[in-house]
Amino acid sequence: MKIAVRAAMIVAALLAAFIAHPLPAGAAQNAPGTTEHTIAMGDWDRPYLLHTPPNLKPGKRLPLIVALHGGLNDAAYVENQSGLDKVADEEGYAVAYPDGLLGTWNAGACCWFARWAGVDDVGFLDKLIDTLVKQGVADPGRVFMTGFSNGGGMAYRYACERSDKVAGIAVVSGALAIGCTPKRPVSVLAFHGTWDPSVPYTGGGNMDADVHFPFIGVQVLMEFWRWVDKLPALSWPVPDGPEGCVGTGPGAVEVALCTKQQGGHEWPDYASKLIGEFFDSRPSLPKPAA
């Protein structure tokens, strides 16, 4: 019975996605402000929002932040939740806010509709980034990714599988939900609350409704990234960060964690400013060999 119910939910989700009217794609990609666009993925036009700053010089490529919404949210929600438009306008970034399937991303062991339907979200993010590079919007050496909750898990998955395409990631209340073997070191900034009921700070619980695999403790996860990147202990205060923000110190690659005591499943009000500074401090990716 459970299998039948799940199959019906998947079919309904896919039908809703396929028959939904696509967002208009006629606006100029370089228009300042936030515009609506779609990318064709087979028979499915997948929507995203693109925000570019005012006073944009024609032909100038911008560093790109791909911001991924949390579970059962959408692009407009995380645009408002994160406040990254302000960072983009002040620091000269473009921000792309894509939509997952019925508000979910296939981050591996999570989450719901996208995982059940086997959606290739890594392929979608590949095509989104490549499209913005081809259109002259994004600098391919300055692509970053951030995400909240399920979107944060998707950012982890993308960094694990496409470390050659991102210069750094920032994860807010998200969990690594897939085996991870990046090809190159990845800079990671993470934000977590010690009272988060959805992504337990000390680990445990279940990754998804039908995935009986525990969350990795936050500090264990940061140790994993530090080990992968061959970095020292997280003992340096993060510049301009509040108490509870520590990292591996200055360098081309950095791992940092901001812990909010008694914080919940939330995007801290200081997070976006630190994300902008963290990304700004990362070196560009090397150009691919000719």
C-alpha atoms as a PDB file:
ATOM      1  CA  MET A   1       0.000   0.000   0.000  1.00  0.00           C
ATOM      2  CA  LYS A   2       2.807   2.381   0.876  1.00  0.00           C
ATOM      3  CA  ILE A   3       4.461   1.735  -2.504  1.00  0.00           C
ATOM      4  CA  ALA A   4       1.217   2.473  -4.345  1.00  0.00           C
ATOM      5  CA  VAL A   5       0.665   5.700  -2.436  1.00  0.00           C
ATOM      6  CA  ARG A   6       4.238   6.814  -3.084  1.00  0.00           C
ATOM      7  CA  ALA A   7       3.940   5.989  -6.794  1.00  0.00           C
ATOM      8  CA  ALA A   8       0.751   8.038  -7.019  1.00  0.00           C
ATOM      9  CA  MET A   9       2.475  10.972  -5.323  1.00  0.00           C
ATOM     10  CA  ILE A  10       5.405  10.780  -7.754  1.00  0.00           C
ATOM     11  CA  VAL A  11       3.097  10.685 -10.778  1.00  0.00           C
ATOM     12  CA  ALA A  12       1.117  13.633  -9.449  1.00  0.00           C
ATOM     13  CA  ALA A  13       4.314  15.588  -8.803  1.00  0.00           C
ATOM     14  CA  LEU A  14       5.662  14.951 -12.279  1.00  0.00           C
ATOM     15  CA  LEU A  15       2.375  15.817 -13.962  1.00  0.00           C
ATOM     16  CA  ALA A  16       2.179  19.054 -11.998  1.00  0.00           C
ATOM     17  CA  ALA A  17       5.704  19.959 -13.047  1.00  0.00           C
ATOM     18  CA  PHE A  18       5.229  19.051 -16.708  1.00  0.00           C
ATOM     19  CA  ILE A  19       1.896  20.807 -17.264  1.00  0.00           C
ATOM     20  CA  ALA A  20       2.665  23.925 -15.266  1.00  0.00           C
ATOM     21  CA  HIS A  21       2.904  27.051 -17.367  1.00  0.00           C
ATOM     22  CA  PRO A  22       6.593  27.959 -17.670  1.00  0.00           C
ATOM     23  CA  LEU A  23       7.749  31.294 -16.403  1.00  0.00           C
ATOM     24  CA  PRO A  24       8.352  33.911 -19.105  1.00  0.00           C
ATOM     25  CA  ALA A  25      11.868  33.789 -20.493  1.00  0.00           C
ATOM     26  CA  GLY A  26      11.812  36.838 -22.704  1.00  0.00           C
ATOM     27  CA  ALA A  27      13.382  39.322 -20.304  1.00  0.00           C
ATOM     28  CA  ALA A  28      16.969  40.274 -21.039  1.00  0.00           C
ATOM     29  CA  GLN A  29      19.375  38.180 -18.977  1.00  0.00           C
ATOM     30  CA  ASN A  30      21.457  41.227 -18.095  1.00  0.00           C
ATOM     31  CA  ALA A  31      18.544  43.412 -16.994  1.00  0.00           C
ATOM     32  CA  PRO A  32      19.139  44.738 -13.446  1.00  0.00           C
ATOM     33  CA  GLY A  33      16.846  43.511 -10.718  1.00  0.00           C
ATOM     34  CA  THR A  34      15.132  40.128 -10.613  1.00  0.00           C
ATOM     35  CA  THR A  35      13.817  38.507 -13.792  1.00  0.00           C
ATOM     36  CA  GLU A  36      12.127  35.159 -14.504  1.00  0.00           C
ATOM     37  CA  HIS A  37      13.544  32.509 -16.836  1.00  0.00           C
ATOM     38  CA  THR A  38      13.335  28.824 -17.703  1.00  0.00           C
ATOM     39  CA  ILE A  39      15.753  26.136 -18.839  1.00  0.00           C
ATOM     40  CA  ALA A  40      14.555  23.198 -20.913  1.00  0.00           C
ATOM     41  CA  MET A  41      15.412  19.857 -19.324  1.00  0.00           C
ATOM     42  CA  GLY A  42      13.954  17.316 -21.745  1.00  0.00           C
ATOM     43  CA  ASP A  43      10.195  17.837 -21.728  1.00  0.00           C
ATOM     44  CA  TRP A  44      10.349  19.937 -18.579  1.00  0.00           C
ATOM     45  CA  ASP A  45      10.958  23.699 -18.539  1.00  0.00           C
ATOM     46  CA  ARG A  46      12.578  24.347 -15.184  1.00  0.00           C
ATOM     47  CA  PRO A  47      12.182  27.859 -13.790  1.00  0.00           C
ATOM     48  CA  TYR A  48      14.668  30.100 -12.059  1.00  0.00           C
ATOM     49  CA  LEU A  49      14.967  33.719 -10.977  1.00  0.00           C
ATOM     50  CA  LEU A  50      18.027  35.773 -11.889  1.00  0.00           C
ATOM     51  CA  HIS A  51      19.049  38.859  -9.943  1.00  0.00           C
ATOM     52  CA  THR A  52      21.692  41.233 -11.288  1.00  0.00           C
ATOM     53  CA  PRO A  53      22.837  44.478  -9.666  1.00  0.00           C
ATOM     54  CA  PRO A  54      22.116  48.003 -10.888  1.00  0.00           C
ATOM     55  CA  ASN A  55      24.729  49.961 -12.843  1.00  0.00           C
ATOM     56  CA  LEU A  56      25.844  46.768 -14.556  1.00  0.00           C
ATOM     57  CA  LYS A  57      28.380  47.456 -17.281  1.00  0.00           C
ATOM     58  CA  PRO A  58      27.409  45.891 -20.632  1.00  0.00           C
ATOM     59  CA  GLY A  59      29.427  42.771 -21.388  1.00  0.00           C
ATOM     60  CA  LYS A  60      30.852  42.468 -17.863  1.00  0.00           C
ATOM     61  CA  ARG A  61      30.790  38.947 -16.446  1.00  0.00           C
ATOM     62  CA  LEU A  62      29.837  38.712 -12.792  1.00  0.00           C
ATOM     63  CA  PRO A  63      30.680  36.272 -10.029  1.00  0.00           C
ATOM     64  CA  LEU A  64      27.622  34.038  -9.659  1.00  0.00           C
ATOM     65  CA  ILE A  65      25.895  32.734  -6.538  1.00  0.00           C
ATOM     66  CA  VAL A  66      23.448  29.881  -7.096  1.00  0.00           C
ATOM     67  CA  ALA A  67      21.047  29.954  -4.127  1.00  0.00           C
ATOM     68  CA  LEU A  68      18.952  26.854  -3.433  1.00  0.00           C
ATOM     69  CA  HIS A  69      15.716  27.021  -1.446  1.00  0.00           C
ATOM     70  CA  GLY A  70      14.792  24.725   1.415  1.00  0.00           C
ATOM     71  CA  GLY A  71      12.372  21.824   1.287  1.00  0.00           C
ATOM     72  CA  LEU A  72       8.810  22.744   0.273  1.00  0.00           C
ATOM     73  CA  ASN A  73       9.899  26.321  -0.457  1.00  0.00           C
ATOM     74  CA  ASP A  74      10.663  27.976  -3.789  1.00  0.00           C
ATOM     75  CA  ALA A  75      13.000  30.450  -5.473  1.00  0.00           C
ATOM     76  CA  ALA A  76      11.065  33.540  -4.381  1.00  0.00           C
ATOM     77  CA  TYR A  77      11.059  32.319  -0.782  1.00  0.00           C
ATOM     78  CA  VAL A  78      14.829  31.929  -0.487  1.00  0.00           C
ATOM     79  CA  GLU A  79      15.385  35.213  -2.329  1.00  0.00           C
ATOM     80  CA  ASN A  80      13.405  36.942   0.426  1.00  0.00           C
ATOM     81  CA  GLN A  81      14.672  34.719   3.243  1.00  0.00           C
ATOM     82  CA  SER A  82      18.368  35.146   2.478  1.00  0.00           C
ATOM     83  CA  GLY A  83      18.617  38.820   1.573  1.00  0.00           C
ATOM     84  CA  LEU A  84      21.268  37.883  -0.998  1.00  0.00           C
ATOM     85  CA  ASP A  85      19.958  40.501  -3.439  1.00  0.00           C
ATOM     86  CA  LYS A  86      21.433  43.160  -1.151  1.00  0.00           C
ATOM     87  CA  VAL A  87      24.800  41.359  -1.162  1.00  0.00           C
ATOM     88  CA  ALA A  88      24.618  41.137  -4.955  1.00  0.00           C
ATOM     89  CA  ASP A  89      23.842  44.833  -5.344  1.00  0.00           C
ATOM     90  CA  GLU A  90      26.572  45.948  -2.939  1.00  0.00           C
ATOM     91  CA  GLU A  91      29.302  43.516  -3.994  1.00  0.00           C
ATOM     92  CA  GLY A  92      28.548  43.062  -7.700  1.00  0.00           C
ATOM     93  CA  TYR A  93      27.270  39.473  -7.856  1.00  0.00           C
ATOM     94  CA  ALA A  94      24.624  37.830  -9.980  1.00  0.00           C
ATOM     95  CA  VAL A  95      22.355  35.484  -8.027  1.00  0.00           C
ATOM     96  CA  ALA A  96      20.392  32.636  -9.616  1.00  0.00           C
ATOM     97  CA  TYR A  97      17.499  31.172  -7.627  1.00  0.00           C
ATOM     98  CA  PRO A  98      16.362  27.897  -9.265  1.00  0.00           C
ATOM     99  CA  ASP A  99      13.271  25.861  -8.349  1.00  0.00           C
ATOM    100  CA  GLY A 100      13.346  22.221  -7.290  1.00  0.00           C
ATOM    101  CA  LEU A 101      10.620  19.672  -8.072  1.00  0.00           C
ATOM    102  CA  LEU A 102       7.619  20.606  -5.915  1.00  0.00           C
ATOM    103  CA  GLY A 103       9.959  22.419  -3.571  1.00  0.00           C
ATOM    104  CA  THR A 104      12.506  19.605  -3.178  1.00  0.00           C
ATOM    105  CA  TRP A 105      16.020  18.744  -4.328  1.00  0.00           C
ATOM    106  CA  ASN A 106      17.510  15.301  -4.906  1.00  0.00           C
ATOM    107  CA  ALA A 107      20.378  15.675  -2.463  1.00  0.00           C
ATOM    108  CA  GLY A 108      20.974  11.932  -2.188  1.00  0.00           C
ATOM    109  CA  ALA A 109      19.238  10.436   0.843  1.00  0.00           C
ATOM    110  CA  CYS A 110      16.912  13.445   0.859  1.00  0.00           C
ATOM    111  CA  CYS A 111      14.381  14.734  -0.106  1.00  0.00           C
ATOM    112  CA  TRP A 112      10.897  13.520  -0.894  1.00  0.00           C
ATOM    113  CA  PHE A 113       9.540  14.158  -4.382  1.00  0.00           C
ATOM    114  CA  ALA A 114      12.844  14.881  -6.148  1.00  0.00           C
ATOM    115  CA  ARG A 115      14.511  11.809  -4.619  1.00  0.00           C
ATOM    116  CA  TRP A 116      11.533   9.533  -5.261  1.00  0.00           C
ATOM    117  CA  ALA A 117      11.313  10.693  -8.879  1.00  0.00           C
ATOM    118  CA  GLY A 118      15.089  10.376  -9.398  1.00  0.00           C
ATOM    119  CA  VAL A 119      15.416  13.959 -10.633  1.00  0.00           C
ATOM    120  CA  ASP A 120      18.859  14.809 -12.023  1.00  0.00           C
ATOM    121  CA  ASP A 121      19.343  18.047 -10.104  1.00  0.00           C
ATOM    122  CA  VAL A 122      23.126  17.942 -10.568  1.00  0.00           C
ATOM    123  CA  GLY A 123      22.521  17.953 -14.325  1.00  0.00           C
ATOM    124  CA  PHE A 124      20.033  20.817 -13.964  1.00  0.00           C
ATOM    125  CA  LEU A 125      22.520  22.922 -12.001  1.00  0.00           C
ATOM    126  CA  ASP A 126      25.209  22.101 -14.580  1.00  0.00           C
ATOM    127  CA  LYS A 127      22.974  23.416 -17.343  1.00  0.00           C
ATOM    128  CA  LEU A 128      21.933  26.492 -15.347  1.00  0.00           C
ATOM    129  CA  ILE A 129      25.553  27.497 -14.714  1.00  0.00           C
ATOM    130  CA  ASP A 130      26.645  26.684 -18.277  1.00  0.00           C
ATOM    131  CA  THR A 131      23.731  28.711 -19.679  1.00  0.00           C
ATOM    132  CA  LEU A 132      24.608  31.796 -17.648  1.00  0.00           C
ATOM    133  CA  VAL A 133      28.266  31.449 -18.662  1.00  0.00           C
ATOM    134  CA  LYS A 134      27.362  31.137 -22.363  1.00  0.00           C
ATOM    135  CA  GLN A 135      25.082  34.163 -22.115  1.00  0.00           C
ATOM    136  CA  GLY A 136      27.950  36.244 -20.747  1.00  0.00           C
ATOM    137  CA  VAL A 137      26.322  36.748 -17.342  1.00  0.00           C
ATOM    138  CA  ALA A 138      28.588  34.584 -15.164  1.00  0.00           C
ATOM    139  CA  ASP A 139      32.339  34.295 -14.778  1.00  0.00           C
ATOM    140  CA  PRO A 140      33.031  30.522 -14.937  1.00  0.00           C
ATOM    141  CA  GLY A 141      35.913  30.867 -12.491  1.00  0.00           C
ATOM    142  CA  ARG A 142      33.755  32.629  -9.885  1.00  0.00           C
ATOM    143  CA  VAL A 143      30.748  30.350  -9.424  1.00  0.00           C
ATOM    144  CA  PHE A 144      29.551  29.770  -5.856  1.00  0.00           C
ATOM    145  CA  MET A 145      26.646  27.877  -4.354  1.00  0.00           C
ATOM    146  CA  THR A 146      24.613  28.277  -1.196  1.00  0.00           C
ATOM    147  CA  GLY A 147      21.455  26.680   0.104  1.00  0.00           C
ATOM    148  CA  PHE A 148      19.113  26.334   3.046  1.00  0.00           C
ATOM    149  CA  SER A 149      18.092  22.993   4.566  1.00  0.00           C
ATOM    150  CA  ASN A 150      17.384  20.588   1.646  1.00  0.00           C
ATOM    151  CA  GLY A 151      18.989  23.206  -0.623  1.00  0.00           C
ATOM    152  CA  GLY A 152      22.069  23.141   1.577  1.00  0.00           C
ATOM    153  CA  GLY A 153      22.228  19.381   1.178  1.00  0.00           C
ATOM    154  CA  MET A 154      22.018  19.886  -2.589  1.00  0.00           C
ATOM    155  CA  ALA A 155      24.899  22.376  -2.412  1.00  0.00           C
ATOM    156  CA  TYR A 156      26.942  19.727  -0.594  1.00  0.00           C
ATOM    157  CA  ARG A 157      26.065  17.142  -3.243  1.00  0.00           C
ATOM    158  CA  TYR A 158      27.056  19.511  -6.042  1.00  0.00           C
ATOM    159  CA  ALA A 159      30.389  20.304  -4.372  1.00  0.00           C
ATOM    160  CA  CYS A 160      31.046  16.584  -3.920  1.00  0.00           C
ATOM    161  CA  GLU A 161      30.328  15.764  -7.566  1.00  0.00           C
ATOM    162  CA  ARG A 162      31.322  19.011  -9.308  1.00  0.00           C
ATOM    163  CA  SER A 163      34.177  20.422  -7.231  1.00  0.00           C
ATOM    164  CA  ASP A 164      35.772  21.637 -10.473  1.00  0.00           C
ATOM    165  CA  LYS A 165      32.811  23.974 -11.132  1.00  0.00           C
ATOM    166  CA  VAL A 166      32.431  25.813  -7.798  1.00  0.00           C
ATOM    167  CA  ALA A 167      34.933  28.095  -6.093  1.00  0.00           C
ATOM    168  CA  GLY A 168      33.197  27.641  -2.731  1.00  0.00           C
ATOM    169  CA  ILE A 169      29.912  26.796  -1.029  1.00  0.00           C
ATOM    170  CA  ALA A 170      27.959  28.058   1.981  1.00  0.00           C
ATOM    171  CA  VAL A 171      25.385  25.821   3.669  1.00  0.00           C
ATOM    172  CA  VAL A 172      22.717  27.042   6.086  1.00  0.00           C
ATOM    173  CA  SER A 173      21.055  24.390   8.272  1.00  0.00           C
ATOM    174  CA  GLY A 174      21.807  21.702   5.688  1.00  0.00           C
ATOM    175  CA  ALA A 175      23.105  18.132   5.822  1.00  0.00           C
ATOM    176  CA  LEU A 176      25.438  16.065   3.689  1.00  0.00           C
ATOM    177  CA  ALA A 177      23.220  13.221   2.447  1.00  0.00           C
ATOM    178  CA  ILE A 178      25.442  11.413  -0.052  1.00  0.00           C
ATOM    179  CA  GLY A 179      28.858   9.754  -0.240  1.00  0.00           C
ATOM    180  CA  CYS A 180      31.394  12.455  -1.002  1.00  0.00           C
ATOM    181  CA  THR A 181      34.684  12.205  -2.913  1.00  0.00           C
ATOM    182  CA  PRO A 182      35.449  15.629  -4.420  1.00  0.00           C
ATOM    183  CA  LYS A 183      38.165  15.825  -7.070  1.00  0.00           C
ATOM    184  CA  ARG A 184      39.675  18.967  -5.584  1.00  0.00           C
ATOM    185  CA  PRO A 185      39.590  20.802  -2.231  1.00  0.00           C
ATOM    186  CA  VAL A 186      36.392  22.768  -1.613  1.00  0.00           C
ATOM    187  CA  SER A 187      35.950  25.809   0.615  1.00  0.00           C
ATOM    188  CA  VAL A 188      32.933  25.368   2.906  1.00  0.00           C
ATOM    189  CA  LEU A 189      31.160  27.807   5.222  1.00  0.00           C
ATOM    190  CA  ALA A 190      28.356  26.327   7.336  1.00  0.00           C
ATOM    191  CA  PHE A 191      25.739  27.804   9.687  1.00  0.00           C
ATOM    192  CA  HIS A 192      23.907  25.704  12.276  1.00  0.00           C
ATOM    193  CA  GLY A 193      21.788  26.128  15.393  1.00  0.00           C
ATOM    194  CA  THR A 194      22.271  23.830  18.371  1.00  0.00           C
ATOM    195  CA  TRP A 195      18.486  23.473  18.814  1.00  0.00           C
ATOM    196  CA  ASP A 196      17.710  22.726  15.166  1.00  0.00           C
ATOM    197  CA  PRO A 197      14.896  20.115  15.187  1.00  0.00           C
ATOM    198  CA  SER A 198      15.260  19.278  11.476  1.00  0.00           C
ATOM    199  CA  VAL A 199      19.037  18.871  11.150  1.00  0.00           C
ATOM    200  CA  PRO A 200      20.220  17.791  14.627  1.00  0.00           C
ATOM    201  CA  TYR A 201      23.448  19.504  15.617  1.00  0.00           C
ATOM    202  CA  THR A 202      24.801  16.366  17.291  1.00  0.00           C
ATOM    203  CA  GLY A 203      23.472  14.037  14.591  1.00  0.00           C
ATOM    204  CA  GLY A 204      20.998  11.176  14.754  1.00  0.00           C
ATOM    205  CA  GLY A 205      17.406  10.892  13.591  1.00  0.00           C
ATOM    206  CA  ASN A 206      16.504   9.900  10.024  1.00  0.00           C
ATOM    207  CA  MET A 207      17.550  11.641   6.797  1.00  0.00           C
ATOM    208  CA  ASP A 208      14.066  11.386   5.274  1.00  0.00           C
ATOM    209  CA  ALA A 209      10.647   9.950   6.018  1.00  0.00           C
ATOM    210  CA  ASP A 210      11.624   6.549   4.626  1.00  0.00           C
ATOM    211  CA  VAL A 211      15.411   6.782   4.873  1.00  0.00           C
ATOM    212  CA  HIS A 212      16.480   5.338   8.202  1.00  0.00           C
ATOM    213  CA  PHE A 213      20.001   6.688   8.101  1.00  0.00           C
ATOM    214  CA  PRO A 214      21.135   9.199  10.742  1.00  0.00           C
ATOM    215  CA  PHE A 215      22.260  12.766  10.181  1.00  0.00           C
ATOM    216  CA  ILE A 216      25.994  13.305  10.596  1.00  0.00           C
ATOM    217  CA  GLY A 217      26.866  15.497  13.566  1.00  0.00           C
ATOM    218  CA  VAL A 218      27.747  19.027  12.444  1.00  0.00           C
ATOM    219  CA  GLN A 219      31.207  19.093  14.002  1.00  0.00           C
ATOM    220  CA  VAL A 220      31.994  15.635  12.585  1.00  0.00           C
ATOM    221  CA  LEU A 221      30.943  16.890   9.155  1.00  0.00           C
ATOM    222  CA  MET A 222      33.224  19.915   9.436  1.00  0.00           C
ATOM    223  CA  GLU A 223      36.064  17.605  10.428  1.00  0.00           C
ATOM    224  CA  PHE A 224      35.357  15.607   7.274  1.00  0.00           C
ATOM    225  CA  TRP A 225      35.699  18.696   5.069  1.00  0.00           C
ATOM    226  CA  ARG A 226      38.815  19.791   6.938  1.00  0.00           C
ATOM    227  CA  TRP A 227      40.300  16.323   6.379  1.00  0.00           C
ATOM    228  CA  VAL A 228      39.363  16.286   2.673  1.00  0.00           C
ATOM    229  CA  ASP A 229      40.899  19.738   2.208  1.00  0.00           C
ATOM    230  CA  LYS A 230      44.009  18.873   4.286  1.00  0.00           C
ATOM    231  CA  LEU A 231      43.546  21.883   6.565  1.00  0.00           C
ATOM    232  CA  PRO A 232      44.356  22.556  10.245  1.00  0.00           C
ATOM    233  CA  ALA A 233      41.791  22.565  13.048  1.00  0.00           C
ATOM    234  CA  LEU A 234      38.893  25.017  13.110  1.00  0.00           C
ATOM    235  CA  SER A 235      40.392  27.381  15.676  1.00  0.00           C
ATOM    236  CA  TRP A 236      40.592  30.785  13.949  1.00  0.00           C
ATOM    237  CA  PRO A 237      37.853  33.354  14.594  1.00  0.00           C
ATOM    238  CA  VAL A 238      36.007  34.208  11.379  1.00  0.00           C
ATOM    239  CA  PRO A 239      36.564  37.903  10.482  1.00  0.00           C
ATOM    240  CA  ASP A 240      33.412  39.964  11.175  1.00  0.00           C
ATOM    241  CA  GLY A 241      31.651  36.844  12.425  1.00  0.00           C
ATOM    242  CA  PRO A 242      29.843  36.686  15.780  1.00  0.00           C
ATOM    243  CA  GLU A 243      30.962  34.540  18.682  1.00  0.00           C
ATOM    244  CA  GLY A 244      30.715  30.919  17.667  1.00  0.00           C
ATOM    245  CA  CYS A 245      32.206  31.371  14.181  1.00  0.00           C
ATOM    246  CA  VAL A 246      35.506  29.525  13.774  1.00  0.00           C
ATOM    247  CA  GLY A 247      37.485  28.412  10.745  1.00  0.00           C
ATOM    248  CA  THR A 248      40.728  26.932   9.548  1.00  0.00           C
ATOM    249  CA  GLY A 249      42.286  30.342   9.016  1.00  0.00           C
ATOM    250  CA  PRO A 250      43.462  32.391   6.040  1.00  0.00           C
ATOM    251  CA  GLY A 251      44.241  30.585   2.825  1.00  0.00           C
ATOM    252  CA  ALA A 252      42.990  29.793  -0.635  1.00  0.00           C
ATOM    253  CA  VAL A 253      40.821  26.990   0.782  1.00  0.00           C
ATOM    254  CA  GLU A 254      38.997  27.405   4.079  1.00  0.00           C
ATOM    255  CA  VAL A 255      36.451  25.500   6.136  1.00  0.00           C
ATOM    256  CA  ALA A 256      34.445  27.506   8.660  1.00  0.00           C
ATOM    257  CA  LEU A 257      31.490  26.895  10.973  1.00  0.00           C
ATOM    258  CA  CYS A 258      29.165  29.390  12.630  1.00  0.00           C
ATOM    259  CA  THR A 259      27.271  27.839  15.535  1.00  0.00           C
ATOM    260  CA  LYS A 260      24.298  29.678  17.031  1.00  0.00           C
ATOM    261  CA  GLN A 261      23.645  28.524  20.572  1.00  0.00           C
ATOM    262  CA  GLN A 262      19.959  27.645  21.025  1.00  0.00           C
ATOM    263  CA  GLY A 263      19.454  28.515  17.356  1.00  0.00           C
ATOM    264  CA  GLY A 264      16.855  26.659  15.333  1.00  0.00           C
ATOM    265  CA  HIS A 265      16.287  25.718  11.700  1.00  0.00           C
ATOM    266  CA  GLU A 266      16.855  29.204  10.349  1.00  0.00           C
ATOM    267  CA  TRP A 267      18.875  31.544   8.155  1.00  0.00           C
ATOM    268  CA  PRO A 268      20.731  33.766  10.666  1.00  0.00           C
ATOM    269  CA  ASP A 269      20.461  37.494  10.036  1.00  0.00           C
ATOM    270  CA  TYR A 270      24.261  37.801   9.814  1.00  0.00           C
ATOM    271  CA  ALA A 271      24.743  34.861   7.436  1.00  0.00           C
ATOM    272  CA  SER A 272      24.411  36.540   4.034  1.00  0.00           C
ATOM    273  CA  LYS A 273      26.968  39.247   4.815  1.00  0.00           C
ATOM    274  CA  LEU A 274      29.472  36.595   5.900  1.00  0.00           C
ATOM    275  CA  ILE A 275      28.658  34.487   2.839  1.00  0.00           C
ATOM    276  CA  GLY A 276      29.460  37.441   0.571  1.00  0.00           C
ATOM    277  CA  GLU A 277      32.749  38.080   2.365  1.00  0.00           C
ATOM    278  CA  PHE A 278      33.643  34.383   2.358  1.00  0.00           C
ATOM    279  CA  PHE A 279      33.021  34.051  -1.370  1.00  0.00           C
ATOM    280  CA  ASP A 280      34.839  37.299  -2.099  1.00  0.00           C
ATOM    281  CA  SER A 281      37.949  35.922  -0.366  1.00  0.00           C
ATOM    282  CA  ARG A 282      38.076  32.743  -2.433  1.00  0.00           C
ATOM    283  CA  PRO A 283      40.435  32.608  -5.431  1.00  0.00           C
ATOM    284  CA  SER A 284      39.050  31.992  -8.886  1.00  0.00           C
ATOM    285  CA  LEU A 285      38.993  28.465 -10.242  1.00  0.00           C
ATOM    286  CA  PRO A 286      41.839  27.645 -12.617  1.00  0.00           C
ATOM    287  CA  LYS A 287      40.945  27.952 -16.281  1.00  0.00           C
ATOM    288  CA  PRO A 288      40.359  24.571 -17.934  1.00  0.00           C
ATOM    289  CA  ALA A 289      43.153  23.283 -20.120  1.00  0.00           C
ATOM    290  CA  ALA A 290      42.755  24.168 -23.815  1.00  0.00           C
END
